[in-house]
N, C-alpha and C. Protein backbone atom coordinates (compact mmCIF):
# COMPACT_ATOMS: atom_id res chain seq x y z
N MET A 1 -32.43 -1.37 -17.29
CA MET A 1 -31.56 -0.34 -16.79
C MET A 1 -31.48 -0.37 -15.27
N GLY A 2 -32.59 -0.66 -14.60
CA GLY A 2 -32.59 -0.77 -13.15
C GLY A 2 -31.75 -1.95 -12.67
N THR A 3 -31.71 -3.03 -13.44
CA THR A 3 -30.94 -4.21 -13.08
C THR A 3 -29.45 -3.91 -13.12
N ASP A 4 -29.03 -3.10 -14.11
CA ASP A 4 -27.61 -2.75 -14.20
C ASP A 4 -27.14 -2.01 -12.96
N LYS A 5 -27.95 -1.09 -12.45
CA LYS A 5 -27.55 -0.33 -11.26
C LYS A 5 -27.46 -1.24 -10.05
N LYS A 6 -28.36 -2.18 -9.94
CA LYS A 6 -28.30 -3.10 -8.80
C LYS A 6 -27.09 -4.02 -8.91
N GLY A 7 -26.74 -4.38 -10.12
CA GLY A 7 -25.62 -5.29 -10.32
C GLY A 7 -24.27 -4.61 -10.30
N ASN A 8 -24.24 -3.30 -10.45
CA ASN A 8 -22.96 -2.58 -10.53
C ASN A 8 -22.63 -1.78 -9.28
N TRP A 9 -23.38 -1.92 -8.23
CA TRP A 9 -23.13 -1.14 -7.02
C TRP A 9 -21.75 -1.40 -6.45
N TRP A 10 -21.28 -2.64 -6.57
CA TRP A 10 -20.00 -2.99 -5.96
C TRP A 10 -18.83 -2.29 -6.64
N ILE A 11 -18.94 -2.06 -7.95
CA ILE A 11 -17.83 -1.40 -8.64
C ILE A 11 -17.69 0.04 -8.15
N TRP A 12 -18.80 0.67 -7.84
CA TRP A 12 -18.74 2.03 -7.30
C TRP A 12 -18.18 2.03 -5.89
N LYS A 13 -18.51 1.03 -5.11
CA LYS A 13 -17.95 0.91 -3.77
C LYS A 13 -16.43 0.77 -3.85
N VAL A 14 -15.96 -0.08 -4.74
CA VAL A 14 -14.52 -0.28 -4.94
C VAL A 14 -13.88 1.02 -5.41
N PHE A 15 -14.54 1.70 -6.35
CA PHE A 15 -14.03 2.96 -6.87
C PHE A 15 -13.84 3.98 -5.75
N TRP A 16 -14.84 4.15 -4.91
CA TRP A 16 -14.76 5.17 -3.86
C TRP A 16 -13.73 4.80 -2.80
N ILE A 17 -13.61 3.52 -2.48
CA ILE A 17 -12.60 3.11 -1.50
C ILE A 17 -11.19 3.36 -2.03
N LEU A 18 -10.94 2.94 -3.26
CA LEU A 18 -9.62 3.15 -3.86
C LEU A 18 -9.33 4.64 -4.07
N LEU A 19 -10.37 5.40 -4.43
CA LEU A 19 -10.20 6.84 -4.59
C LEU A 19 -9.84 7.50 -3.26
N ALA A 20 -10.49 7.07 -2.19
CA ALA A 20 -10.21 7.65 -0.87
C ALA A 20 -8.78 7.37 -0.43
N VAL A 21 -8.32 6.13 -0.61
CA VAL A 21 -6.96 5.79 -0.19
C VAL A 21 -5.94 6.53 -1.07
N THR A 22 -6.20 6.60 -2.37
CA THR A 22 -5.29 7.31 -3.27
C THR A 22 -5.28 8.81 -2.96
N ALA A 23 -6.45 9.37 -2.69
CA ALA A 23 -6.51 10.80 -2.34
C ALA A 23 -5.74 11.07 -1.06
N PHE A 24 -5.81 10.15 -0.10
CA PHE A 24 -5.04 10.30 1.14
C PHE A 24 -3.54 10.29 0.84
N GLU A 25 -3.11 9.38 -0.05
CA GLU A 25 -1.69 9.34 -0.43
C GLU A 25 -1.26 10.63 -1.10
N VAL A 26 -2.09 11.14 -2.01
CA VAL A 26 -1.78 12.39 -2.70
C VAL A 26 -1.74 13.55 -1.71
N LEU A 27 -2.68 13.58 -0.78
CA LEU A 27 -2.70 14.62 0.24
C LEU A 27 -1.41 14.59 1.07
N LEU A 28 -0.97 13.39 1.45
CA LEU A 28 0.29 13.28 2.19
C LEU A 28 1.46 13.82 1.36
N GLY A 29 1.46 13.50 0.07
CA GLY A 29 2.52 14.01 -0.81
C GLY A 29 2.49 15.53 -0.92
N ILE A 30 1.31 16.10 -1.05
CA ILE A 30 1.18 17.56 -1.13
C ILE A 30 1.64 18.21 0.18
N LEU A 31 1.22 17.62 1.31
CA LEU A 31 1.62 18.17 2.60
C LEU A 31 3.13 18.07 2.80
N LYS A 32 3.74 17.01 2.27
CA LYS A 32 5.19 16.88 2.38
C LYS A 32 5.89 17.97 1.57
N VAL A 33 5.41 18.20 0.36
CA VAL A 33 6.03 19.23 -0.49
C VAL A 33 5.86 20.61 0.14
N ASN A 34 4.71 20.85 0.76
CA ASN A 34 4.46 22.14 1.41
C ASN A 34 5.08 22.23 2.80
N GLU A 35 5.76 21.17 3.20
CA GLU A 35 6.42 21.08 4.51
C GLU A 35 5.43 21.33 5.65
N SER A 36 4.23 20.74 5.52
CA SER A 36 3.20 20.86 6.54
C SER A 36 3.12 19.64 7.45
N LEU A 37 3.86 18.61 7.13
CA LEU A 37 3.84 17.39 7.95
C LEU A 37 4.84 17.53 9.10
N PRO A 38 4.64 16.78 10.17
CA PRO A 38 5.62 16.80 11.27
C PRO A 38 7.00 16.36 10.76
N GLU A 39 8.03 17.00 11.27
CA GLU A 39 9.39 16.69 10.82
C GLU A 39 9.77 15.24 11.10
N ALA A 40 9.26 14.69 12.19
CA ALA A 40 9.58 13.30 12.53
C ALA A 40 9.09 12.35 11.45
N LEU A 41 7.95 12.63 10.86
CA LEU A 41 7.39 11.77 9.83
C LEU A 41 8.18 11.83 8.54
N VAL A 42 8.75 12.98 8.26
CA VAL A 42 9.45 13.19 6.99
C VAL A 42 10.94 12.89 7.09
N TYR A 43 11.58 13.27 8.23
CA TYR A 43 13.04 13.19 8.29
C TYR A 43 13.58 12.04 9.15
N ASP A 44 12.84 11.61 10.15
CA ASP A 44 13.32 10.49 10.97
C ASP A 44 13.25 9.21 10.15
N LYS A 45 14.29 8.40 10.28
CA LYS A 45 14.37 7.20 9.45
C LYS A 45 14.19 5.95 10.29
N PHE A 46 13.62 4.93 9.63
CA PHE A 46 13.47 3.61 10.20
C PHE A 46 13.83 2.62 9.11
N LEU A 47 14.80 1.76 9.36
CA LEU A 47 15.31 0.81 8.36
C LEU A 47 15.75 1.52 7.08
N GLY A 48 16.32 2.69 7.24
CA GLY A 48 16.88 3.40 6.09
C GLY A 48 15.91 4.26 5.31
N LEU A 49 14.63 4.23 5.66
CA LEU A 49 13.63 5.03 4.95
C LEU A 49 12.91 5.94 5.93
N ALA A 50 12.45 7.07 5.40
CA ALA A 50 11.64 7.98 6.22
C ALA A 50 10.33 7.29 6.59
N TRP A 51 9.77 7.66 7.73
CA TRP A 51 8.51 7.06 8.16
C TRP A 51 7.41 7.26 7.12
N LEU A 52 7.41 8.40 6.44
CA LEU A 52 6.40 8.68 5.43
C LEU A 52 6.49 7.67 4.29
N THR A 53 7.68 7.28 3.94
CA THR A 53 7.85 6.28 2.88
C THR A 53 7.24 4.95 3.32
N HIS A 54 7.41 4.59 4.57
CA HIS A 54 6.79 3.36 5.08
C HIS A 54 5.27 3.45 5.01
N VAL A 55 4.73 4.62 5.31
CA VAL A 55 3.27 4.81 5.21
C VAL A 55 2.82 4.59 3.77
N PHE A 56 3.54 5.16 2.81
CA PHE A 56 3.19 4.97 1.39
C PHE A 56 3.27 3.50 0.99
N ILE A 57 4.29 2.80 1.43
CA ILE A 57 4.44 1.38 1.09
C ILE A 57 3.28 0.57 1.66
N ILE A 58 2.92 0.82 2.92
CA ILE A 58 1.83 0.09 3.55
C ILE A 58 0.51 0.36 2.83
N LEU A 59 0.23 1.63 2.52
CA LEU A 59 -1.02 1.96 1.82
C LEU A 59 -1.06 1.32 0.43
N THR A 60 0.08 1.26 -0.25
CA THR A 60 0.12 0.63 -1.57
C THR A 60 -0.12 -0.87 -1.48
N ILE A 61 0.44 -1.52 -0.48
CA ILE A 61 0.21 -2.95 -0.30
C ILE A 61 -1.26 -3.22 0.04
N VAL A 62 -1.84 -2.36 0.86
CA VAL A 62 -3.26 -2.53 1.22
C VAL A 62 -4.13 -2.36 -0.03
N LYS A 63 -3.84 -1.36 -0.84
CA LYS A 63 -4.62 -1.18 -2.08
C LYS A 63 -4.46 -2.38 -3.01
N ALA A 64 -3.25 -2.88 -3.15
CA ALA A 64 -3.01 -4.04 -4.01
C ALA A 64 -3.77 -5.26 -3.49
N ALA A 65 -3.76 -5.47 -2.18
CA ALA A 65 -4.48 -6.61 -1.61
C ALA A 65 -5.98 -6.46 -1.84
N TYR A 66 -6.50 -5.26 -1.69
CA TYR A 66 -7.93 -5.03 -1.92
C TYR A 66 -8.30 -5.29 -3.38
N ILE A 67 -7.45 -4.84 -4.30
CA ILE A 67 -7.71 -5.08 -5.72
C ILE A 67 -7.71 -6.57 -6.02
N VAL A 68 -6.76 -7.30 -5.45
CA VAL A 68 -6.71 -8.75 -5.65
C VAL A 68 -7.96 -9.41 -5.07
N MET A 69 -8.39 -8.96 -3.90
CA MET A 69 -9.57 -9.55 -3.26
C MET A 69 -10.82 -9.33 -4.11
N ILE A 70 -10.94 -8.17 -4.72
CA ILE A 70 -12.16 -7.85 -5.47
C ILE A 70 -12.09 -8.34 -6.91
N PHE A 71 -11.10 -7.88 -7.66
CA PHE A 71 -11.09 -8.12 -9.10
C PHE A 71 -10.59 -9.51 -9.49
N MET A 72 -9.84 -10.16 -8.62
CA MET A 72 -9.43 -11.53 -8.90
C MET A 72 -10.31 -12.52 -8.13
N HIS A 73 -11.38 -11.99 -7.56
CA HIS A 73 -12.40 -12.79 -6.87
C HIS A 73 -11.85 -13.61 -5.71
N LEU A 74 -10.76 -13.16 -5.14
CA LEU A 74 -10.20 -13.85 -3.99
C LEU A 74 -11.09 -13.67 -2.76
N GLY A 75 -11.85 -12.58 -2.73
CA GLY A 75 -12.74 -12.32 -1.61
C GLY A 75 -13.86 -13.35 -1.49
N ASP A 76 -14.14 -14.05 -2.59
CA ASP A 76 -15.19 -15.07 -2.58
C ASP A 76 -14.67 -16.43 -2.11
N GLU A 77 -13.37 -16.55 -1.94
CA GLU A 77 -12.78 -17.83 -1.55
C GLU A 77 -12.80 -17.99 -0.03
N ARG A 78 -12.45 -19.19 0.40
CA ARG A 78 -12.39 -19.46 1.84
C ARG A 78 -11.24 -18.68 2.47
N LYS A 79 -11.38 -18.41 3.75
CA LYS A 79 -10.38 -17.61 4.47
C LYS A 79 -8.98 -18.20 4.36
N ASN A 80 -8.86 -19.52 4.41
CA ASN A 80 -7.54 -20.16 4.35
C ASN A 80 -6.83 -19.82 3.04
N LEU A 81 -7.56 -19.86 1.93
CA LEU A 81 -6.96 -19.55 0.64
C LEU A 81 -6.57 -18.08 0.57
N GLN A 82 -7.41 -17.21 1.12
CA GLN A 82 -7.09 -15.78 1.15
C GLN A 82 -5.79 -15.55 1.92
N LEU A 83 -5.67 -16.20 3.07
CA LEU A 83 -4.47 -16.03 3.88
C LEU A 83 -3.23 -16.61 3.21
N ILE A 84 -3.39 -17.74 2.53
CA ILE A 84 -2.25 -18.37 1.85
C ILE A 84 -1.69 -17.45 0.78
N ILE A 85 -2.55 -16.68 0.15
CA ILE A 85 -2.10 -15.79 -0.92
C ILE A 85 -1.63 -14.44 -0.39
N LEU A 86 -2.34 -13.87 0.59
CA LEU A 86 -2.04 -12.51 1.02
C LEU A 86 -0.95 -12.40 2.08
N VAL A 87 -0.85 -13.36 2.99
CA VAL A 87 0.14 -13.26 4.07
C VAL A 87 1.57 -13.25 3.52
N PRO A 88 1.92 -14.10 2.56
CA PRO A 88 3.29 -14.01 2.02
C PRO A 88 3.61 -12.64 1.42
N VAL A 89 2.62 -11.98 0.83
CA VAL A 89 2.88 -10.65 0.26
C VAL A 89 3.23 -9.67 1.37
N PHE A 90 2.48 -9.72 2.47
CA PHE A 90 2.74 -8.80 3.57
C PHE A 90 4.04 -9.14 4.31
N ILE A 91 4.57 -10.32 4.10
CA ILE A 91 5.86 -10.69 4.69
C ILE A 91 6.99 -10.48 3.68
N LEU A 92 6.77 -10.89 2.43
CA LEU A 92 7.81 -10.87 1.41
C LEU A 92 8.20 -9.45 0.99
N VAL A 93 7.23 -8.59 0.79
CA VAL A 93 7.55 -7.23 0.32
C VAL A 93 8.42 -6.48 1.33
N PRO A 94 8.04 -6.44 2.63
CA PRO A 94 8.96 -5.76 3.57
C PRO A 94 10.33 -6.44 3.67
N TYR A 95 10.36 -7.76 3.56
CA TYR A 95 11.64 -8.47 3.61
C TYR A 95 12.51 -8.08 2.41
N LEU A 96 11.93 -8.04 1.22
CA LEU A 96 12.68 -7.64 0.03
C LEU A 96 13.16 -6.20 0.13
N LEU A 97 12.32 -5.33 0.68
CA LEU A 97 12.75 -3.94 0.88
C LEU A 97 13.92 -3.87 1.85
N PHE A 98 13.86 -4.68 2.91
CA PHE A 98 14.97 -4.73 3.87
C PHE A 98 16.26 -5.18 3.19
N ILE A 99 16.17 -6.21 2.36
CA ILE A 99 17.37 -6.70 1.66
C ILE A 99 17.92 -5.62 0.73
N ILE A 100 17.05 -4.97 -0.02
CA ILE A 100 17.49 -3.93 -0.95
C ILE A 100 18.18 -2.79 -0.19
N LEU A 101 17.57 -2.36 0.90
CA LEU A 101 18.15 -1.25 1.67
C LEU A 101 19.47 -1.65 2.32
N THR A 102 19.53 -2.86 2.85
CA THR A 102 20.76 -3.33 3.50
C THR A 102 21.90 -3.44 2.49
N GLU A 103 21.64 -4.07 1.37
CA GLU A 103 22.67 -4.24 0.35
C GLU A 103 23.06 -2.90 -0.26
N GLY A 104 22.08 -2.02 -0.48
CA GLY A 104 22.37 -0.70 -1.04
C GLY A 104 23.25 0.11 -0.10
N THR A 105 22.95 0.05 1.20
CA THR A 105 23.75 0.76 2.17
C THR A 105 25.16 0.19 2.23
N HIS A 106 25.26 -1.13 2.18
CA HIS A 106 26.60 -1.76 2.20
C HIS A 106 27.40 -1.37 0.95
N ALA A 107 26.75 -1.38 -0.22
CA ALA A 107 27.45 -1.02 -1.45
C ALA A 107 27.88 0.45 -1.40
N LEU A 108 27.04 1.31 -0.83
CA LEU A 108 27.39 2.71 -0.71
C LEU A 108 28.58 2.92 0.21
N LEU A 109 28.62 2.17 1.32
CA LEU A 109 29.72 2.30 2.27
C LEU A 109 31.03 1.75 1.71
N MET A 110 30.96 0.81 0.79
CA MET A 110 32.16 0.20 0.24
C MET A 110 32.77 1.03 -0.89
N MET A 111 32.10 2.05 -1.33
CA MET A 111 32.62 2.89 -2.45
C MET A 111 33.71 3.79 -1.96
């Protein structure tokens, strides 16, 4: 029984880190609904989205990268392999969002 606790410490570390980031996201959502956040964060737009939406996207990408690093054992690999896998995600996702927003705005203007 003592061996299990020594061997499972990392899963609790992962749990608490993911719980903290998720709780922060939920707190931001609650504060937005209660209109307690600064207006600039909620209403000012950047690339067609509110700044708060960008914060949610970044936190989600960070959580996804952390899950890949831990549960897919990417964290045990060499730095080069980690970068080869993670850097395209941090470039591709914002690029795809930009394309979606640009095309959506164009389609809306053409109606």
